[in-house]
């Protein structure tokens, strides 16, 4: 199975390799899915950082006797994070399914294939 880093860093190499193999598979959907995955991971990490800061603040307030119940925004952030994790998992599953259909990159010495096979 192909490495996503290769797909991200060198999509033209993969396109050329698929063309040489005579494959009609397009990697555009896979590139879109990978971009979506990376964007969602970034958003998730940002929300985790917000949650961590808010939890630390709540812990400080609780230690000082200023608060006893977690604020609603902490619960909302927790639910949002769970939702984002599930969305990322779904995208990753779709990526793995798409990757399963992409053949390996042939060596340069391998003759070009034809679409007849």
PDB file of N, CA and C in Angstrom:
ATOM      1  N   UNK A   1       0.852  -1.177   0.000  1.00  0.00           N
ATOM      2  CA  UNK A   1       0.000   0.000   0.000  1.00  0.00           C
ATOM      3  C   UNK A   1       0.893   1.233   0.000  1.00  0.00           C
ATOM      4  N   UNK A   2       0.442   2.242  -0.695  1.00  0.00           N
ATOM      5  CA  UNK A   2       1.214   3.472  -0.817  1.00  0.00           C
ATOM      6  C   UNK A   2       1.208   4.289   0.469  1.00  0.00           C
ATOM      7  N   UNK A   3       2.239   5.054   0.630  1.00  0.00           N
ATOM      8  CA  UNK A   3       2.384   5.939   1.774  1.00  0.00           C
ATOM      9  C   UNK A   3       1.708   7.274   1.458  1.00  0.00           C
ATOM     10  N   UNK A   4       0.918   7.791   2.394  1.00  0.00           N
ATOM     11  CA  UNK A   4       0.247   9.071   2.177  1.00  0.00           C
ATOM     12  C   UNK A   4       1.233  10.219   2.007  1.00  0.00           C
ATOM     13  N   UNK A   5       2.387  10.103   2.635  1.00  0.00           N
ATOM     14  CA  UNK A   5       3.401  11.151   2.498  1.00  0.00           C
ATOM     15  C   UNK A   5       3.854  11.255   1.041  1.00  0.00           C
ATOM     16  N   UNK A   6       4.017  10.129   0.386  1.00  0.00           N
ATOM     17  CA  UNK A   6       4.385  10.129  -1.034  1.00  0.00           C
ATOM     18  C   UNK A   6       3.283  10.793  -1.853  1.00  0.00           C
ATOM     19  N   UNK A   7       2.064  10.486  -1.548  1.00  0.00           N
ATOM     20  CA  UNK A   7       0.930  11.077  -2.250  1.00  0.00           C
ATOM     21  C   UNK A   7       0.921  12.595  -2.083  1.00  0.00           C
ATOM     22  N   UNK A   8       1.117  13.054  -0.840  1.00  0.00           N
ATOM     23  CA  UNK A   8       1.110  14.500  -0.569  1.00  0.00           C
ATOM     24  C   UNK A   8       2.284  15.203  -1.213  1.00  0.00           C
ATOM     25  N   UNK A   9       3.460  14.614  -1.052  1.00  0.00           N
ATOM     26  CA  UNK A   9       4.689  15.289  -1.469  1.00  0.00           C
ATOM     27  C   UNK A   9       4.963  15.195  -2.958  1.00  0.00           C
ATOM     28  N   UNK A  10       4.476  14.150  -3.602  1.00  0.00           N
ATOM     29  CA  UNK A  10       4.830  13.947  -5.000  1.00  0.00           C
ATOM     30  C   UNK A  10       3.670  13.313  -5.785  1.00  0.00           C
ATOM     31  N   UNK A  11       2.540  14.002  -5.884  1.00  0.00           N
ATOM     32  CA  UNK A  11       1.401  13.409  -6.588  1.00  0.00           C
ATOM     33  C   UNK A  11       1.667  13.191  -8.072  1.00  0.00           C
ATOM     34  N   UNK A  12       2.519  14.026  -8.678  1.00  0.00           N
ATOM     35  CA  UNK A  12       2.815  13.857 -10.101  1.00  0.00           C
ATOM     36  C   UNK A  12       3.543  12.547 -10.369  1.00  0.00           C
ATOM     37  N   UNK A  13       4.422  12.159  -9.463  1.00  0.00           N
ATOM     38  CA  UNK A  13       5.116  10.879  -9.599  1.00  0.00           C
ATOM     39  C   UNK A  13       4.102   9.738  -9.612  1.00  0.00           C
ATOM     40  N   UNK A  14       3.137   9.810  -8.733  1.00  0.00           N
ATOM     41  CA  UNK A  14       2.112   8.775  -8.655  1.00  0.00           C
ATOM     42  C   UNK A  14       1.228   8.783  -9.907  1.00  0.00           C
ATOM     43  N   UNK A  15       0.850   9.965 -10.363  1.00  0.00           N
ATOM     44  CA  UNK A  15       0.056  10.057 -11.597  1.00  0.00           C
ATOM     45  C   UNK A  15       0.804   9.427 -12.771  1.00  0.00           C
ATOM     46  N   UNK A  16       2.086   9.777 -12.904  1.00  0.00           N
ATOM     47  CA  UNK A  16       2.903   9.233 -13.993  1.00  0.00           C
ATOM     48  C   UNK A  16       3.024   7.716 -13.888  1.00  0.00           C
ATOM     49  N   UNK A  17       3.220   7.226 -12.678  1.00  0.00           N
ATOM     50  CA  UNK A  17       3.361   5.785 -12.477  1.00  0.00           C
ATOM     51  C   UNK A  17       2.074   5.058 -12.846  1.00  0.00           C
ATOM     52  N   UNK A  18       0.941   5.630 -12.466  1.00  0.00           N
ATOM     53  CA  UNK A  18      -0.340   5.009 -12.811  1.00  0.00           C
ATOM     54  C   UNK A  18      -0.554   5.023 -14.323  1.00  0.00           C
ATOM     55  N   UNK A  19      -0.152   6.103 -14.944  1.00  0.00           N
ATOM     56  CA  UNK A  19      -0.265   6.195 -16.399  1.00  0.00           C
ATOM     57  C   UNK A  19       0.618   5.148 -17.082  1.00  0.00           C
ATOM     58  N   UNK A  20       1.847   4.980 -16.577  1.00  0.00           N
ATOM     59  CA  UNK A  20       2.760   3.978 -17.138  1.00  0.00           C
ATOM     60  C   UNK A  20       2.211   2.571 -16.981  1.00  0.00           C
ATOM     61  N   UNK A  21       1.482   2.351 -15.930  1.00  0.00           N
ATOM     62  CA  UNK A  21       0.896   1.023 -15.699  1.00  0.00           C
ATOM     63  C   UNK A  21      -0.354   0.811 -16.546  1.00  0.00           C
ATOM     64  N   UNK A  22      -0.821   1.885 -17.173  1.00  0.00           N
ATOM     65  CA  UNK A  22      -2.041   1.774 -17.967  1.00  0.00           C
ATOM     66  C   UNK A  22      -3.288   1.805 -17.108  1.00  0.00           C
ATOM     67  N   UNK A  23      -3.166   2.359 -15.917  1.00  0.00           N
ATOM     68  CA  UNK A  23      -4.271   2.398 -14.974  1.00  0.00           C
ATOM     69  C   UNK A  23      -5.111   3.654 -15.187  1.00  0.00           C
ATOM     70  N   UNK A  24      -6.421   3.493 -15.102  1.00  0.00           N
ATOM     71  CA  UNK A  24      -7.337   4.618 -15.249  1.00  0.00           C
ATOM     72  C   UNK A  24      -7.720   5.208 -13.892  1.00  0.00           C
ATOM     73  N   UNK A  25      -7.093   4.772 -12.841  1.00  0.00           N
ATOM     74  CA  UNK A  25      -7.405   5.247 -11.491  1.00  0.00           C
ATOM     75  C   UNK A  25      -6.955   6.695 -11.343  1.00  0.00           C
ATOM     76  N   UNK A  26      -7.838   7.514 -10.772  1.00  0.00           N
ATOM     77  CA  UNK A  26      -7.520   8.913 -10.510  1.00  0.00           C
ATOM     78  C   UNK A  26      -7.196   9.079  -9.027  1.00  0.00           C
ATOM     79  N   UNK A  27      -6.182   9.848  -8.740  1.00  0.00           N
ATOM     80  CA  UNK A  27      -5.812  10.073  -7.338  1.00  0.00           C
ATOM     81  C   UNK A  27      -6.393  11.368  -6.794  1.00  0.00           C
ATOM     82  N   UNK A  28      -7.185  12.067  -7.590  1.00  0.00           N
ATOM     83  CA  UNK A  28      -7.718  13.366  -7.173  1.00  0.00           C
ATOM     84  C   UNK A  28      -8.610  13.250  -5.935  1.00  0.00           C
ATOM     85  N   UNK A  29      -9.476  12.243  -5.907  1.00  0.00           N
ATOM     86  CA  UNK A  29     -10.336  12.059  -4.732  1.00  0.00           C
ATOM     87  C   UNK A  29      -9.484  11.773  -3.495  1.00  0.00           C
ATOM     88  N   UNK A  30      -8.462  10.976  -3.677  1.00  0.00           N
ATOM     89  CA  UNK A  30      -7.578  10.639  -2.570  1.00  0.00           C
ATOM     90  C   UNK A  30      -6.845  11.881  -2.055  1.00  0.00           C
ATOM     91  N   UNK A  31      -6.403  12.730  -2.966  1.00  0.00           N
ATOM     92  CA  UNK A  31      -5.752  13.987  -2.566  1.00  0.00           C
ATOM     93  C   UNK A  31      -6.720  14.881  -1.793  1.00  0.00           C
ATOM     94  N   UNK A  32      -7.960  14.924  -2.243  1.00  0.00           N
ATOM     95  CA  UNK A  32      -8.978  15.718  -1.556  1.00  0.00           C
ATOM     96  C   UNK A  32      -9.254  15.166  -0.163  1.00  0.00           C
ATOM     97  N   UNK A  33      -9.370  13.852  -0.064  1.00  0.00           N
ATOM     98  CA  UNK A  33      -9.602  13.221   1.240  1.00  0.00           C
ATOM     99  C   UNK A  33      -8.444  13.491   2.195  1.00  0.00           C
ATOM    100  N   UNK A  34      -7.215  13.407   1.689  1.00  0.00           N
ATOM    101  CA  UNK A  34      -6.048  13.641   2.536  1.00  0.00           C
ATOM    102  C   UNK A  34      -6.010  15.088   3.008  1.00  0.00           C
ATOM    103  N   UNK A  35      -6.351  16.015   2.136  1.00  0.00           N
ATOM    104  CA  UNK A  35      -6.402  17.429   2.524  1.00  0.00           C
ATOM    105  C   UNK A  35      -7.466  17.643   3.605  1.00  0.00           C
ATOM    106  N   UNK A  36      -8.624  17.034   3.411  1.00  0.00           N
ATOM    107  CA  UNK A  36      -9.712  17.126   4.395  1.00  0.00           C
ATOM    108  C   UNK A  36      -9.265  16.551   5.737  1.00  0.00           C
ATOM    109  N   UNK A  37      -8.596  15.408   5.690  1.00  0.00           N
ATOM    110  CA  UNK A  37      -8.117  14.764   6.923  1.00  0.00           C
ATOM    111  C   UNK A  37      -7.164  15.684   7.673  1.00  0.00           C
ATOM    112  N   UNK A  38      -6.237  16.273   6.963  1.00  0.00           N
ATOM    113  CA  UNK A  38      -5.254  17.148   7.602  1.00  0.00           C
ATOM    114  C   UNK A  38      -5.912  18.395   8.189  1.00  0.00           C
ATOM    115  N   UNK A  39      -6.884  18.959   7.480  1.00  0.00           N
ATOM    116  CA  UNK A  39      -7.603  20.134   7.992  1.00  0.00           C
ATOM    117  C   UNK A  39      -8.381  19.787   9.260  1.00  0.00           C
ATOM    118  N   UNK A  40      -9.022  18.633   9.251  1.00  0.00           N
ATOM    119  CA  UNK A  40      -9.813  18.218  10.420  1.00  0.00           C
ATOM    120  C   UNK A  40      -8.910  17.893  11.613  1.00  0.00           C
ATOM    121  N   UNK A  41      -7.755  17.337  11.353  1.00  0.00           N
ATOM    122  CA  UNK A  41      -6.816  17.063  12.445  1.00  0.00           C
ATOM    123  C   UNK A  41      -6.344  18.372  13.059  1.00  0.00           C
ATOM    124  N   UNK A  42      -6.084  19.368  12.225  1.00  0.00           N
ATOM    125  CA  UNK A  42      -5.657  20.679  12.730  1.00  0.00           C
ATOM    126  C   UNK A  42      -6.747  21.278  13.616  1.00  0.00           C
ATOM    127  N   UNK A  43      -7.995  21.234  13.153  1.00  0.00           N
ATOM    128  CA  UNK A  43      -9.108  21.771  13.945  1.00  0.00           C
ATOM    129  C   UNK A  43      -9.260  21.010  15.261  1.00  0.00           C
ATOM    130  N   UNK A  44      -9.103  19.689  15.205  1.00  0.00           N
ATOM    131  CA  UNK A  44      -9.192  18.871  16.411  1.00  0.00           C
ATOM    132  C   UNK A  44      -8.106  19.251  17.410  1.00  0.00           C
ATOM    133  N   UNK A  45      -6.886  19.405  16.937  1.00  0.00           N
ATOM    134  CA  UNK A  45      -5.780  19.770  17.826  1.00  0.00           C
ATOM    135  C   UNK A  45      -6.000  21.143  18.453  1.00  0.00           C
ATOM    136  N   UNK A  46      -6.560  22.068  17.694  1.00  0.00           N
ATOM    137  CA  UNK A  46      -6.852  23.388  18.241  1.00  0.00           C
ATOM    138  C   UNK A  46      -7.899  23.292  19.350  1.00  0.00           C
ATOM    139  N   UNK A  47      -8.922  22.480  19.136  1.00  0.00           N
ATOM    140  CA  UNK A  47      -9.952  22.317  20.158  1.00  0.00           C
ATOM    141  C   UNK A  47      -9.427  21.586  21.385  1.00  0.00           C
ATOM    142  N   UNK A  48      -8.530  20.645  21.176  1.00  0.00           N
ATOM    143  CA  UNK A  48      -7.918  19.970  22.332  1.00  0.00           C
ATOM    144  C   UNK A  48      -7.091  20.958  23.156  1.00  0.00           C
ATOM    145  N   UNK A  49      -6.391  21.861  22.480  1.00  0.00           N
ATOM    146  CA  UNK A  49      -5.606  22.874  23.192  1.00  0.00           C
ATOM    147  C   UNK A  49      -6.529  23.805  23.983  1.00  0.00           C
ATOM    148  N   UNK A  50      -7.653  24.203  23.377  1.00  0.00           N
ATOM    149  CA  UNK A  50      -8.631  25.044  24.091  1.00  0.00           C
ATOM    150  C   UNK A  50      -9.165  24.306  25.320  1.00  0.00           C
ATOM    151  N   UNK A  51      -9.472  23.025  25.123  1.00  0.00           N
ATOM    152  CA  UNK A  51     -10.005  22.230  26.223  1.00  0.00           C
ATOM    153  C   UNK A  51      -8.974  22.118  27.350  1.00  0.00           C
ATOM    154  N   UNK A  52      -7.735  21.919  26.988  1.00  0.00           N
ATOM    155  CA  UNK A  52      -6.684  21.795  27.999  1.00  0.00           C
ATOM    156  C   UNK A  52      -6.553  23.087  28.801  1.00  0.00           C
ATOM    157  N   UNK A  53      -6.527  24.228  28.086  1.00  0.00           N
ATOM    158  CA  UNK A  53      -6.429  25.514  28.791  1.00  0.00           C
ATOM    159  C   UNK A  53      -7.630  25.742  29.704  1.00  0.00           C
ATOM    160  N   UNK A  54      -8.829  25.443  29.196  1.00  0.00           N
ATOM    161  CA  UNK A  54     -10.040  25.635  29.991  1.00  0.00           C
ATOM    162  C   UNK A  54     -10.067  24.689  31.185  1.00  0.00           C
ATOM    163  N   UNK A  55      -9.601  23.466  30.998  1.00  0.00           N
ATOM    164  CA  UNK A  55      -9.564  22.503  32.111  1.00  0.00           C
ATOM    165  C   UNK A  55      -8.572  22.936  33.177  1.00  0.00           C
ATOM    166  N   UNK A  56      -7.431  23.446  32.747  1.00  0.00           N
ATOM    167  CA  UNK A  56      -6.441  23.947  33.706  1.00  0.00           C
ATOM    168  C   UNK A  56      -6.992  25.132  34.482  1.00  0.00           C
ATOM    169  N   UNK A  57      -7.702  26.011  33.800  1.00  0.00           N
ATOM    170  CA  UNK A  57      -8.308  27.169  34.465  1.00  0.00           C
ATOM    171  C   UNK A  57      -9.374  26.722  35.457  1.00  0.00           C
ATOM    172  N   UNK A  58     -10.191  25.757  35.049  1.00  0.00           N
ATOM    173  CA  UNK A  58     -11.212  25.235  35.952  1.00  0.00           C
ATOM    174  C   UNK A  58     -10.557  24.572  37.164  1.00  0.00           C
ATOM    175  N   UNK A  59      -9.484  23.807  36.939  1.00  0.00           N
ATOM    176  CA  UNK A  59      -8.769  23.178  38.047  1.00  0.00           C
ATOM    177  C   UNK A  59      -8.208  24.205  39.016  1.00  0.00           C
ATOM    178  N   UNK A  60      -7.670  25.287  38.478  1.00  0.00           N
ATOM    179  CA  UNK A  60      -7.145  26.356  39.327  1.00  0.00           C
ATOM    180  C   UNK A  60      -8.272  26.995  40.141  1.00  0.00           C
ATOM    181  N   UNK A  61      -9.408  27.270  39.473  1.00  0.00           N
ATOM    182  CA  UNK A  61     -10.542  27.878  40.167  1.00  0.00           C
ATOM    183  C   UNK A  61     -11.101  26.944  41.233  1.00  0.00           C
ATOM    184  N   UNK A  62     -11.140  25.668  40.933  1.00  0.00           N
ATOM    185  CA  UNK A  62     -11.659  24.695  41.889  1.00  0.00           C
ATOM    186  C   UNK A  62     -10.743  24.604  43.109  1.00  0.00           C
ATOM    187  N   UNK A  63      -9.439  24.622  42.850  1.00  0.00           N
ATOM    188  CA  UNK A  63      -8.480  24.568  43.959  1.00  0.00           C
ATOM    189  C   UNK A  63      -8.596  25.787  44.855  1.00  0.00           C
ATOM    190  N   UNK A  64      -8.952  26.904  44.267  1.00  0.00           N
ATOM    191  CA  UNK A  64      -9.100  28.141  45.044  1.00  0.00           C
ATOM    192  C   UNK A  64     -10.498  28.293  45.631  1.00  0.00           C
ATOM    193  N   UNK A  65     -11.375  27.331  45.361  1.00  0.00           N
ATOM    194  CA  UNK A  65     -12.720  27.366  45.913  1.00  0.00           C
ATOM    195  C   UNK A  65     -13.668  28.261  45.150  1.00  0.00           C
ATOM    196  N   UNK A  66     -13.297  28.689  43.956  1.00  0.00           N
ATOM    197  CA  UNK A  66     -14.136  29.602  43.178  1.00  0.00           C
ATOM    198  C   UNK A  66     -15.144  28.869  42.295  1.00  0.00           C
ATOM    199  N   UNK A  67     -14.926  27.600  42.033  1.00  0.00           N
ATOM    200  CA  UNK A  67     -15.822  26.857  41.155  1.00  0.00           C
ATOM    201  C   UNK A  67     -15.970  25.430  41.667  1.00  0.00           C
ATOM    202  N   UNK A  68     -17.152  24.855  41.434  1.00  0.00           N
ATOM    203  CA  UNK A  68     -17.363  23.466  41.841  1.00  0.00           C
ATOM    204  C   UNK A  68     -17.925  22.617  40.710  1.00  0.00           C
ATOM    205  N   UNK A  69     -18.515  23.257  39.715  1.00  0.00           N
ATOM    206  CA  UNK A  69     -19.100  22.542  38.583  1.00  0.00           C
ATOM    207  C   UNK A  69     -18.369  22.967  37.305  1.00  0.00           C
ATOM    208  N   UNK A  70     -17.976  21.999  36.486  1.00  0.00           N
ATOM    209  CA  UNK A  70     -17.294  22.362  35.237  1.00  0.00           C
ATOM    210  C   UNK A  70     -18.183  23.260  34.369  1.00  0.00           C
ATOM    211  N   UNK A  71     -17.611  24.258  33.740  1.00  0.00           N
ATOM    212  CA  UNK A  71     -18.415  25.145  32.889  1.00  0.00           C
ATOM    213  C   UNK A  71     -18.976  24.408  31.678  1.00  0.00           C
ATOM    214  N   UNK A  72     -20.078  24.914  31.161  1.00  0.00           N
ATOM    215  CA  UNK A  72     -20.759  24.279  30.032  1.00  0.00           C
ATOM    216  C   UNK A  72     -19.864  24.213  28.804  1.00  0.00           C
ATOM    217  N   UNK A  73     -19.026  25.223  28.609  1.00  0.00           N
ATOM    218  CA  UNK A  73     -18.189  25.209  27.403  1.00  0.00           C
ATOM    219  C   UNK A  73     -17.178  24.056  27.421  1.00  0.00           C
ATOM    220  N   UNK A  74     -16.810  23.575  28.601  1.00  0.00           N
ATOM    221  CA  UNK A  74     -15.926  22.401  28.683  1.00  0.00           C
ATOM    222  C   UNK A  74     -16.644  21.152  28.180  1.00  0.00           C
ATOM    223  N   UNK A  75     -17.893  20.998  28.574  1.00  0.00           N
ATOM    224  CA  UNK A  75     -18.680  19.851  28.101  1.00  0.00           C
ATOM    225  C   UNK A  75     -18.914  19.956  26.593  1.00  0.00           C
ATOM    226  N   UNK A  76     -19.193  21.160  26.113  1.00  0.00           N
ATOM    227  CA  UNK A  76     -19.411  21.366  24.685  1.00  0.00           C
ATOM    228  C   UNK A  76     -18.139  21.048  23.893  1.00  0.00           C
ATOM    229  N   UNK A  77     -17.001  21.495  24.398  1.00  0.00           N
ATOM    230  CA  UNK A  77     -15.736  21.198  23.737  1.00  0.00           C
ATOM    231  C   UNK A  77     -15.473  19.694  23.705  1.00  0.00           C
ATOM    232  N   UNK A  78     -15.780  19.028  24.794  1.00  0.00           N
ATOM    233  CA  UNK A  78     -15.589  17.582  24.862  1.00  0.00           C
ATOM    234  C   UNK A  78     -16.434  16.872  23.813  1.00  0.00           C
ATOM    235  N   UNK A  79     -17.683  17.265  23.680  1.00  0.00           N
ATOM    236  CA  UNK A  79     -18.570  16.666  22.678  1.00  0.00           C
ATOM    237  C   UNK A  79     -18.084  16.972  21.262  1.00  0.00           C
ATOM    238  N   UNK A  80     -17.643  18.201  21.039  1.00  0.00           N
ATOM    239  CA  UNK A  80     -17.133  18.587  19.729  1.00  0.00           C
ATOM    240  C   UNK A  80     -15.897  17.764  19.367  1.00  0.00           C
ATOM    241  N   UNK A  81     -15.027  17.565  20.331  1.00  0.00           N
ATOM    242  CA  UNK A  81     -13.808  16.773  20.102  1.00  0.00           C
ATOM    243  C   UNK A  81     -14.165  15.332  19.752  1.00  0.00           C
ATOM    244  N   UNK A  82     -15.118  14.759  20.446  1.00  0.00           N
ATOM    245  CA  UNK A  82     -15.554  13.382  20.134  1.00  0.00           C
ATOM    246  C   UNK A  82     -16.105  13.308  18.715  1.00  0.00           C
ATOM    247  N   UNK A  83     -16.896  14.302  18.338  1.00  0.00           N
ATOM    248  CA  UNK A  83     -17.470  14.339  16.995  1.00  0.00           C
ATOM    249  C   UNK A  83     -16.365  14.465  15.946  1.00  0.00           C
ATOM    250  N   UNK A  84     -15.403  15.338  16.200  1.00  0.00           N
ATOM    251  CA  UNK A  84     -14.302  15.520  15.260  1.00  0.00           C
ATOM    252  C   UNK A  84     -13.471  14.243  15.120  1.00  0.00           C
ATOM    253  N   UNK A  85     -13.242  13.550  16.212  1.00  0.00           N
ATOM    254  CA  UNK A  85     -12.488  12.292  16.158  1.00  0.00           C
ATOM    255  C   UNK A  85     -13.213  11.263  15.298  1.00  0.00           C
ATOM    256  N   UNK A  86     -14.534  11.195  15.426  1.00  0.00           N
ATOM    257  CA  UNK A  86     -15.314  10.260  14.621  1.00  0.00           C
ATOM    258  C   UNK A  86     -15.259  10.629  13.138  1.00  0.00           C
ATOM    259  N   UNK A  87     -15.340  11.930  12.845  1.00  0.00           N
ATOM    260  CA  UNK A  87     -15.261  12.384  11.452  1.00  0.00           C
ATOM    261  C   UNK A  87     -13.903  12.039  10.846  1.00  0.00           C
ATOM    262  N   UNK A  88     -12.853  12.252  11.603  1.00  0.00           N
ATOM    263  CA  UNK A  88     -11.505  11.930  11.124  1.00  0.00           C
ATOM    264  C   UNK A  88     -11.382  10.436  10.872  1.00  0.00           C
ATOM    265  N   UNK A  89     -11.924   9.643  11.759  1.00  0.00           N
ATOM    266  CA  UNK A  89     -11.873   8.187  11.586  1.00  0.00           C
ATOM    267  C   UNK A  89     -12.583   7.770  10.300  1.00  0.00           C
ATOM    268  N   UNK A  90     -13.731   8.375  10.004  1.00  0.00           N
ATOM    269  CA  UNK A  90     -14.465   8.052   8.777  1.00  0.00           C
ATOM    270  C   UNK A  90     -13.649   8.425   7.542  1.00  0.00           C
ATOM    271  N   UNK A  91     -13.016   9.591   7.571  1.00  0.00           N
ATOM    272  CA  UNK A  91     -12.191  10.025   6.439  1.00  0.00           C
ATOM    273  C   UNK A  91     -11.003   9.086   6.274  1.00  0.00           C
ATOM    274  N   UNK A  92     -10.384   8.697   7.386  1.00  0.00           N
ATOM    275  CA  UNK A  92      -9.242   7.781   7.316  1.00  0.00           C
ATOM    276  C   UNK A  92      -9.649   6.424   6.751  1.00  0.00           C
ATOM    277  N   UNK A  93     -10.837   5.957   7.093  1.00  0.00           N
ATOM    278  CA  UNK A  93     -11.328   4.696   6.543  1.00  0.00           C
ATOM    279  C   UNK A  93     -11.515   4.806   5.029  1.00  0.00           C
ATOM    280  N   UNK A  94     -12.062   5.932   4.581  1.00  0.00           N
ATOM    281  CA  UNK A  94     -12.238   6.143   3.135  1.00  0.00           C
ATOM    282  C   UNK A  94     -10.883   6.220   2.432  1.00  0.00           C
ATOM    283  N   UNK A  95      -9.907   6.825   3.078  1.00  0.00           N
ATOM    284  CA  UNK A  95      -8.564   6.908   2.500  1.00  0.00           C
ATOM    285  C   UNK A  95      -7.976   5.505   2.360  1.00  0.00           C
ATOM    286  N   UNK A  96      -8.106   4.703   3.404  1.00  0.00           N
ATOM    287  CA  UNK A  96      -7.562   3.339   3.356  1.00  0.00           C
ATOM    288  C   UNK A  96      -8.245   2.515   2.264  1.00  0.00           C
ATOM    289  N   UNK A  97      -9.541   2.682   2.106  1.00  0.00           N
ATOM    290  CA  UNK A  97     -10.254   1.973   1.048  1.00  0.00           C
ATOM    291  C   UNK A  97      -9.749   2.408  -0.327  1.00  0.00           C
ATOM    292  N   UNK A  98      -9.548   3.703  -0.519  1.00  0.00           N
ATOM    293  CA  UNK A  98      -9.064   4.214  -1.803  1.00  0.00           C
ATOM    294  C   UNK A  98      -7.634   3.750  -2.071  1.00  0.00           C
ATOM    295  N   UNK A  99      -6.805   3.758  -1.039  1.00  0.00           N
ATOM    296  CA  UNK A  99      -5.417   3.324  -1.201  1.00  0.00           C
ATOM    297  C   UNK A  99      -5.314   1.857  -1.612  1.00  0.00           C
ATOM    298  N   UNK A 100      -6.269   1.064  -1.173  1.00  0.00           N
ATOM    299  CA  UNK A 100      -6.240  -0.368  -1.486  1.00  0.00           C
ATOM    300  C   UNK A 100      -6.356  -0.636  -2.984  1.00  0.00           C
ATOM    301  N   UNK A 101      -6.919   0.306  -3.717  1.00  0.00           N
ATOM    302  CA  UNK A 101      -7.106   0.122  -5.157  1.00  0.00           C
ATOM    303  C   UNK A 101      -5.975   0.711  -5.999  1.00  0.00           C
ATOM    304  N   UNK A 102      -5.059   1.412  -5.377  1.00  0.00           N
ATOM    305  CA  UNK A 102      -3.960   2.022  -6.124  1.00  0.00           C
ATOM    306  C   UNK A 102      -2.782   1.054  -6.135  1.00  0.00           C
ATOM    307  N   UNK A 103      -2.329   0.689  -7.330  1.00  0.00           N
ATOM    308  CA  UNK A 103      -1.215  -0.257  -7.411  1.00  0.00           C
ATOM    309  C   UNK A 103       0.099   0.395  -6.989  1.00  0.00           C
ATOM    310  N   UNK A 104       1.080  -0.436  -6.726  1.00  0.00           N
ATOM    311  CA  UNK A 104       2.410   0.064  -6.380  1.00  0.00           C
ATOM    312  C   UNK A 104       3.035   0.769  -7.574  1.00  0.00           C
ATOM    313  N   UNK A 105       4.010   1.609  -7.281  1.00  0.00           N
ATOM    314  CA  UNK A 105       4.716   2.336  -8.325  1.00  0.00           C
ATOM    315  C   UNK A 105       5.745   1.391  -8.951  1.00  0.00           C
ATOM    316  N   UNK A 106       5.693   1.225 -10.274  1.00  0.00           N
ATOM    317  CA  UNK A 106       6.673   0.338 -10.905  1.00  0.00           C
ATOM    318  C   UNK A 106       8.046   1.002 -10.988  1.00  0.00           C
ATOM    319  N   UNK A 107       9.070   0.191 -11.021  1.00  0.00           N
ATOM    320  CA  UNK A 107      10.419   0.718 -11.202  1.00  0.00           C
ATOM    321  C   UNK A 107      10.532   1.300 -12.608  1.00  0.00           C
ATOM    322  N   UNK A 108      11.496   2.206 -12.769  1.00  0.00           N
ATOM    323  CA  UNK A 108      11.674   2.876 -14.051  1.00  0.00           C
ATOM    324  C   UNK A 108      11.983   1.890 -15.173  1.00  0.00           C
ATOM    325  N   UNK A 109      12.599   0.748 -14.862  1.00  0.00           N
ATOM    326  CA  UNK A 109      12.989  -0.218 -15.881  1.00  0.00           C
ATOM    327  C   UNK A 109      11.799  -1.067 -16.375  1.00  0.00           C
ATOM    328  N   UNK A 110      10.680  -0.997 -15.680  1.00  0.00           N
ATOM    329  CA  UNK A 110       9.511  -1.795 -16.065  1.00  0.00           C
ATOM    330  C   UNK A 110       8.833  -1.129 -17.267  1.00  0.00           C
ATOM    331  N   UNK A 111       8.542  -1.900 -18.331  1.00  0.00           N
ATOM    332  CA  UNK A 111       7.892  -1.311 -19.497  1.00  0.00           C
ATOM    333  C   UNK A 111       6.485  -0.842 -19.161  1.00  0.00           C
ATOM    334  N   UNK A 112       6.022   0.148 -19.900  1.00  0.00           N
ATOM    335  CA  UNK A 112       4.685   0.698 -19.680  1.00  0.00           C
ATOM    336  C   UNK A 112       3.647  -0.363 -19.972  1.00  0.00           C
ATOM    337  N   UNK A 113       2.567  -0.336 -19.196  1.00  0.00           N
ATOM    338  CA  UNK A 113       1.491  -1.301 -19.386  1.00  0.00           C
ATOM    339  C   UNK A 113       0.483  -0.780 -20.391  1.00  0.00           C
ATOM    340  N   UNK A 114      -0.502  -1.597 -20.655  1.00  0.00           N
ATOM    341  CA  UNK A 114      -1.584  -1.140 -21.509  1.00  0.00           C
ATOM    342  C   UNK A 114      -2.903  -1.391 -20.790  1.00  0.00           C
ATOM    343  N   UNK A 115      -3.901  -0.672 -21.176  1.00  0.00           N
ATOM    344  CA  UNK A 115      -5.192  -0.733 -20.490  1.00  0.00           C
ATOM    345  C   UNK A 115      -5.986  -1.976 -20.872  1.00  0.00           C
ATOM    346  N   UNK A 116      -5.478  -2.819 -21.755  1.00  0.00           N
ATOM    347  CA  UNK A 116      -6.213  -4.010 -22.219  1.00  0.00           C
ATOM    348  C   UNK A 116      -6.313  -5.088 -21.152  1.00  0.00           C
ATOM    349  N   UNK A 117      -5.377  -5.124 -20.223  1.00  0.00           N
ATOM    350  CA  UNK A 117      -5.344  -6.212 -19.243  1.00  0.00           C
ATOM    351  C   UNK A 117      -6.195  -5.920 -18.069  1.00  0.00           C
TER     352      UNK A 117
END
